[in-house]
Amino acid sequence: MQDPAFLESIFQWLESSSLAIFIRQSHWLYPAVEIIHIAGFALLVGAAVLFDLRLLGFSRKLPVKDCIGHLIFWARISLIAVIPSGLLLFIVEATSLASNSAFQIKLILIAAAGLNAAIFHRFTLRSVDEWNTQAPAPPAARIAGLLSILFWFGVITCGRLIAYV
């Protein structure tokens, strides 16, 4: 386990970096980065939820392979916006964010959503030919879809609560 004082010094170093100071002092840059982060998240979560709804039985006429083939492209594109913008937002107030319970829960939920997706892609999706069209998705796929929706809505909720906790 890391020494809390060591982590605190890293967070303080990030906050005092030239980039963090520049972002913090700019009237437009911080809000622009925040808008990019939110727009990217909307695209990421939108793509995920649309696919999850397909897993839950909606739009069965749409083949699962076609759905994932289209939506995963947009999810990956959104990560190009979400990850760098999230890191930039973090360095501006690293010390307070690191100790913010809503932020901590948000990170845990992001990790859980990622693990859920990795398990789904590694194991459950292997049998997609059996349920690609018309047939209901297997229980494991439906559970993965439901968990994904819950995790992502939790991430959004925690993201909003950061300012209030």
Protein backbone atom coordinates (compact mmCIF):
# COMPACT_ATOMS: atom_id res chain seq x y z
CA MET A 1 0.00 0.00 0.00
CA GLN A 2 1.25 3.47 -0.90
CA ASP A 3 2.20 6.02 1.71
CA PRO A 4 -0.61 8.64 1.85
CA ALA A 5 1.95 11.45 2.19
CA PHE A 6 3.68 10.25 -0.97
CA LEU A 7 0.40 10.23 -2.92
CA GLU A 8 -0.49 13.65 -1.52
CA SER A 9 2.84 15.01 -2.76
CA ILE A 10 2.17 13.61 -6.24
CA PHE A 11 -1.27 15.23 -6.30
CA GLN A 12 0.19 18.56 -5.15
CA TRP A 13 2.91 18.29 -7.79
CA LEU A 14 0.26 17.70 -10.49
CA GLU A 15 -1.74 20.71 -9.32
CA SER A 16 1.33 22.94 -9.34
CA SER A 17 2.44 21.86 -12.81
CA SER A 18 2.57 24.52 -15.51
CA LEU A 19 -0.20 22.79 -17.44
CA ALA A 20 -2.56 22.66 -14.44
CA ILE A 21 -1.89 26.31 -13.62
CA PHE A 22 -2.43 27.31 -17.25
CA ILE A 23 -5.76 25.45 -17.40
CA ARG A 24 -6.88 26.79 -14.02
CA GLN A 25 -6.04 30.40 -14.92
CA SER A 26 -7.65 30.32 -18.35
CA HIS A 27 -11.17 31.68 -18.56
CA TRP A 28 -12.08 29.41 -21.46
CA LEU A 29 -9.79 26.39 -21.39
CA TYR A 30 -11.16 24.64 -18.28
CA PRO A 31 -14.80 24.95 -19.44
CA ALA A 32 -13.77 23.82 -22.95
CA VAL A 33 -12.02 20.74 -21.56
CA GLU A 34 -15.05 20.03 -19.37
CA ILE A 35 -17.38 20.30 -22.39
CA ILE A 36 -15.17 17.89 -24.36
CA HIS A 37 -15.24 15.48 -21.42
CA ILE A 38 -19.02 15.63 -21.07
CA ALA A 39 -19.65 15.36 -24.82
CA GLY A 40 -17.27 12.41 -25.05
CA PHE A 41 -18.98 10.76 -22.11
CA ALA A 42 -22.38 11.29 -23.71
CA LEU A 43 -21.13 9.53 -26.84
CA LEU A 44 -19.51 6.70 -24.87
CA VAL A 45 -22.48 6.06 -22.61
CA GLY A 46 -24.94 6.53 -25.47
CA ALA A 47 -23.19 3.87 -27.54
CA ALA A 48 -22.93 1.52 -24.55
CA VAL A 49 -26.57 1.92 -23.52
CA LEU A 50 -27.84 1.41 -27.07
CA PHE A 51 -25.90 -1.83 -27.30
CA ASP A 52 -27.01 -2.85 -23.80
CA LEU A 53 -30.64 -2.29 -24.77
CA ARG A 54 -30.11 -4.61 -27.75
CA LEU A 55 -28.75 -7.24 -25.33
CA LEU A 56 -31.83 -6.77 -23.16
CA GLY A 57 -34.08 -7.66 -26.10
CA PHE A 58 -34.90 -4.38 -27.78
CA SER A 59 -34.54 -4.05 -31.58
CA ARG A 60 -34.09 -7.79 -32.15
CA LYS A 61 -34.31 -7.27 -35.90
CA LEU A 62 -30.93 -5.54 -35.68
CA PRO A 63 -28.19 -8.19 -35.68
CA VAL A 64 -25.99 -8.00 -32.59
CA LYS A 65 -22.85 -8.17 -34.76
CA ASP A 66 -23.98 -5.16 -36.81
CA CYS A 67 -24.95 -3.25 -33.69
CA ILE A 68 -21.64 -3.84 -31.94
CA GLY A 69 -19.69 -3.25 -35.15
CA HIS A 70 -21.20 0.20 -35.49
CA LEU A 71 -21.42 1.30 -31.86
CA ILE A 72 -17.98 0.13 -30.74
CA PHE A 73 -16.43 2.48 -33.30
CA TRP A 74 -18.15 5.44 -31.65
CA ALA A 75 -17.32 4.22 -28.15
CA ARG A 76 -13.64 4.00 -29.07
CA ILE A 77 -13.69 7.44 -30.70
CA SER A 78 -15.25 8.86 -27.55
CA LEU A 79 -12.37 7.51 -25.46
CA ILE A 80 -10.05 9.76 -27.47
CA ALA A 81 -11.96 12.68 -25.96
CA VAL A 82 -12.83 11.30 -22.52
CA ILE A 83 -9.49 10.01 -21.29
CA PRO A 84 -7.24 13.02 -22.05
CA SER A 85 -9.90 15.52 -20.98
CA GLY A 86 -10.51 13.59 -17.76
CA LEU A 87 -6.80 13.58 -16.97
CA LEU A 88 -6.59 17.32 -17.63
CA LEU A 89 -9.58 17.99 -15.38
CA PHE A 90 -8.00 15.81 -12.69
CA ILE A 91 -4.61 17.56 -12.61
CA VAL A 92 -6.27 20.94 -12.06
CA GLU A 93 -7.62 19.83 -8.68
CA ALA A 94 -5.92 16.48 -8.04
CA THR A 95 -5.68 16.83 -4.24
CA SER A 96 -9.35 17.54 -3.63
CA LEU A 97 -10.55 15.06 -6.26
CA ALA A 98 -8.41 12.25 -4.88
CA SER A 99 -10.12 12.58 -1.51
CA ASN A 100 -13.62 13.13 -2.92
CA SER A 101 -15.79 10.07 -2.25
CA ALA A 102 -17.97 10.66 -5.33
CA PHE A 103 -14.84 10.79 -7.51
CA GLN A 104 -13.49 7.62 -5.89
CA ILE A 105 -16.77 5.78 -6.48
CA LYS A 106 -16.83 7.09 -10.07
CA LEU A 107 -13.40 5.55 -10.71
CA ILE A 108 -14.50 2.25 -9.17
CA LEU A 109 -17.63 2.20 -11.34
CA ILE A 110 -15.58 2.97 -14.47
CA ALA A 111 -13.30 0.06 -13.61
CA ALA A 112 -16.33 -2.18 -13.01
CA ALA A 113 -17.88 -1.13 -16.35
CA GLY A 114 -14.59 -1.86 -18.10
CA LEU A 115 -14.26 -5.26 -16.43
CA ASN A 116 -17.88 -6.07 -17.29
CA ALA A 117 -17.23 -5.18 -20.94
CA ALA A 118 -13.98 -7.17 -21.03
CA ILE A 119 -15.66 -10.27 -19.62
CA PHE A 120 -18.56 -9.88 -22.05
CA HIS A 121 -16.25 -9.53 -25.07
CA ARG A 122 -13.90 -12.31 -23.95
CA PHE A 123 -16.52 -14.92 -23.06
CA THR A 124 -20.18 -14.13 -23.73
CA LEU A 125 -19.80 -12.63 -27.19
CA ARG A 126 -18.13 -15.83 -28.43
CA SER A 127 -21.56 -17.45 -28.82
CA VAL A 128 -23.11 -14.49 -30.67
CA ASP A 129 -23.79 -16.52 -33.83
CA GLU A 130 -26.42 -18.44 -31.84
CA TRP A 131 -28.32 -15.29 -30.85
CA ASN A 132 -27.24 -12.71 -33.42
CA THR A 133 -30.75 -12.10 -34.75
CA GLN A 134 -34.24 -12.73 -33.45
CA ALA A 135 -33.23 -15.12 -30.64
CA PRO A 136 -33.00 -13.65 -27.15
CA ALA A 137 -29.51 -13.01 -25.84
CA PRO A 138 -28.36 -15.55 -23.26
CA PRO A 139 -28.74 -14.66 -19.57
CA ALA A 140 -25.03 -13.80 -19.27
CA ALA A 141 -25.39 -11.22 -22.06
CA ARG A 142 -28.54 -9.74 -20.56
CA ILE A 143 -26.89 -9.50 -17.14
CA ALA A 144 -23.84 -7.83 -18.72
CA GLY A 145 -26.14 -5.33 -20.46
CA LEU A 146 -28.06 -4.53 -17.29
CA LEU A 147 -24.86 -4.17 -15.24
CA SER A 148 -23.39 -1.92 -17.92
CA ILE A 149 -26.38 0.41 -17.82
CA LEU A 150 -26.27 0.52 -14.00
CA PHE A 151 -22.51 1.13 -13.91
CA TRP A 152 -22.60 3.93 -16.50
CA PHE A 153 -25.55 5.69 -14.88
CA GLY A 154 -23.68 5.41 -11.59
CA VAL A 155 -20.62 6.99 -13.22
CA ILE A 156 -22.75 9.87 -14.52
CA THR A 157 -24.39 10.31 -11.12
CA CYS A 158 -21.06 10.35 -9.30
CA GLY A 159 -19.62 12.74 -11.87
CA ARG A 160 -22.38 15.21 -11.07
CA LEU A 161 -22.04 14.67 -7.31
CA ILE A 162 -18.32 15.49 -7.30
CA ALA A 163 -19.08 19.19 -7.02
CA TYR A 164 -21.44 18.66 -4.07
CA VAL A 165 -19.57 16.13 -1.91
